[in-house]
Protein backbone atom coordinates (compact mmCIF):
# COMPACT_ATOMS: atom_id res chain seq x y z
CA MET A 1 -32.66 30.26 106.99
CA LYS A 2 -29.78 28.08 106.46
CA LEU A 3 -28.86 28.01 110.17
CA LEU A 4 -32.44 27.09 111.01
CA LEU A 5 -32.39 24.25 108.59
CA ARG A 6 -29.09 23.04 110.16
CA ILE A 7 -30.70 23.25 113.67
CA PHE A 8 -33.68 21.29 112.50
CA ILE A 9 -31.65 18.61 110.82
CA THR A 10 -29.60 18.21 113.88
CA ALA A 11 -32.60 18.02 116.16
CA VAL A 12 -33.94 15.27 113.89
CA LEU A 13 -30.85 13.44 114.03
CA VAL A 14 -30.66 13.73 117.80
CA MET A 15 -34.05 12.19 118.03
CA ALA A 16 -33.18 9.33 115.78
CA ILE A 17 -30.06 8.51 117.44
CA ALA A 18 -31.60 8.60 120.87
CA TYR A 19 -34.30 6.36 119.46
CA LEU A 20 -31.80 3.82 118.35
CA MET A 21 -29.08 4.02 121.06
CA LYS A 22 -29.36 2.64 124.42
CA GLY A 23 -28.25 5.29 127.23
CA VAL A 24 -29.49 8.42 125.48
CA ILE A 25 -32.92 9.87 126.38
CA VAL A 26 -34.68 12.77 124.57
CA ASN A 27 -38.14 13.34 126.10
CA GLU A 28 -39.74 15.07 123.10
CA PHE A 29 -38.88 16.96 119.78
CA THR A 30 -38.73 20.33 121.51
CA THR A 31 -36.02 18.94 123.83
CA ALA A 32 -34.06 17.85 120.66
CA LEU A 33 -34.49 21.36 119.26
CA THR A 34 -33.01 22.71 122.52
CA VAL A 35 -30.29 20.30 122.41
CA ALA A 36 -29.37 21.38 118.74
CA VAL A 37 -29.23 25.02 119.83
CA VAL A 38 -27.28 24.32 122.95
CA LEU A 39 -24.74 22.09 120.97
CA ALA A 40 -24.47 24.86 118.39
CA LEU A 41 -23.72 27.40 121.07
CA LEU A 42 -21.28 25.11 122.89
CA ASN A 43 -19.54 24.41 119.68
CA PHE A 44 -19.20 27.96 118.93
CA PHE A 45 -18.09 29.21 122.20
CA VAL A 46 -16.66 26.45 124.39
CA LYS A 47 -15.12 24.01 122.01
CA PRO A 48 -12.51 26.49 120.68
CA VAL A 49 -11.35 27.25 124.18
CA LEU A 50 -11.09 23.49 124.99
CA VAL A 51 -9.18 22.72 121.80
CA LEU A 52 -6.82 25.55 122.48
CA LEU A 53 -6.18 24.39 126.01
CA THR A 54 -5.67 20.83 124.93
CA LEU A 55 -3.54 21.50 121.84
CA PRO A 56 -0.35 19.63 123.13
CA ILE A 57 -2.33 16.54 123.94
CA THR A 58 -4.32 16.82 120.57
CA PHE A 59 -1.08 17.00 118.81
CA PHE A 60 0.42 14.13 120.63
CA THR A 61 -2.57 11.80 119.93
CA LEU A 62 -2.67 12.91 116.29
CA GLY A 63 -6.13 14.60 116.65
CA LEU A 64 -7.96 11.73 118.46
CA PHE A 65 -8.25 13.86 121.66
CA LEU A 66 -10.95 15.96 119.68
CA LEU A 67 -13.24 12.80 120.12
CA VAL A 68 -12.81 13.35 123.85
CA ILE A 69 -13.52 17.10 123.52
CA ASN A 70 -16.75 16.26 121.52
CA ALA A 71 -17.90 13.70 124.26
CA ILE A 72 -17.33 16.56 126.90
CA ILE A 73 -19.49 18.89 124.73
CA ILE A 74 -22.14 16.43 124.74
CA LEU A 75 -21.95 15.85 128.49
CA LEU A 76 -22.18 19.62 129.09
CA CYS A 77 -25.24 19.79 126.85
CA ASP A 78 -26.74 17.00 129.11
CA GLU A 79 -26.19 19.05 132.01
CA PHE A 80 -27.81 22.30 130.60
CA VAL A 81 -30.75 20.68 128.90
CA ASP A 82 -33.61 19.19 131.00
CA GLY A 83 -35.06 16.16 129.21
CA PHE A 84 -31.78 15.16 127.59
CA GLU A 85 -29.83 12.42 129.34
CA VAL A 86 -26.66 10.62 128.45
CA SER A 87 -25.71 7.73 130.65
CA SER A 88 -21.88 7.70 130.62
CA PHE A 89 -18.82 9.27 129.04
CA TRP A 90 -18.39 6.30 126.61
CA THR A 91 -22.12 6.78 125.43
CA ALA A 92 -21.51 10.45 124.93
CA MET A 93 -18.47 9.68 122.85
CA LEU A 94 -20.33 7.17 120.69
CA PHE A 95 -23.34 9.61 120.40
CA SER A 96 -20.94 12.37 119.19
CA ILE A 97 -19.26 10.24 116.59
CA ILE A 98 -22.69 9.03 115.27
CA LEU A 99 -24.08 12.57 115.35
CA SER A 100 -21.01 14.03 113.43
CA LEU A 101 -21.03 11.26 110.77
CA SER A 102 -24.71 11.42 110.29
CA GLN A 103 -24.61 15.17 110.07
CA SER A 104 -21.87 15.09 107.46
CA LEU A 105 -23.82 12.65 105.40
CA VAL A 106 -27.22 14.58 105.46
CA TYR A 107 -25.52 17.84 104.70
CA GLN A 108 -23.72 16.25 101.81
CA ILE A 109 -27.07 14.81 100.52
CA THR A 110 -29.11 18.10 101.05
CA GLY A 111 -26.29 20.34 99.64
CA GLU A 112 -25.70 22.10 102.98
CA ALA A 113 -22.08 21.20 103.22
CA LYS A 114 -19.75 23.87 104.60
């Protein structure tokens, strides 16, 4: 149940950010739900591999390269989900930062923090 609530919250945040941000398009709420599920799967399976492969550059940049990895995950999600479009790498980076911060805030308010 907790996982479903997190996916729903992420979907609502994806819709809200796409509405407010130029360069991100989400066609409908079911697309946002699909984006939330795909993001969860990519973060679970792909992100650890990317982090491990880029560990030296992440260490050298004091962790800032993780922002690039998050943007890559958003762009991968853009490729996998029809109806979800991100116009550029920089838009994906800003989208990932806003999504991460807003998820942290909402999870703290709802008591869903990790």
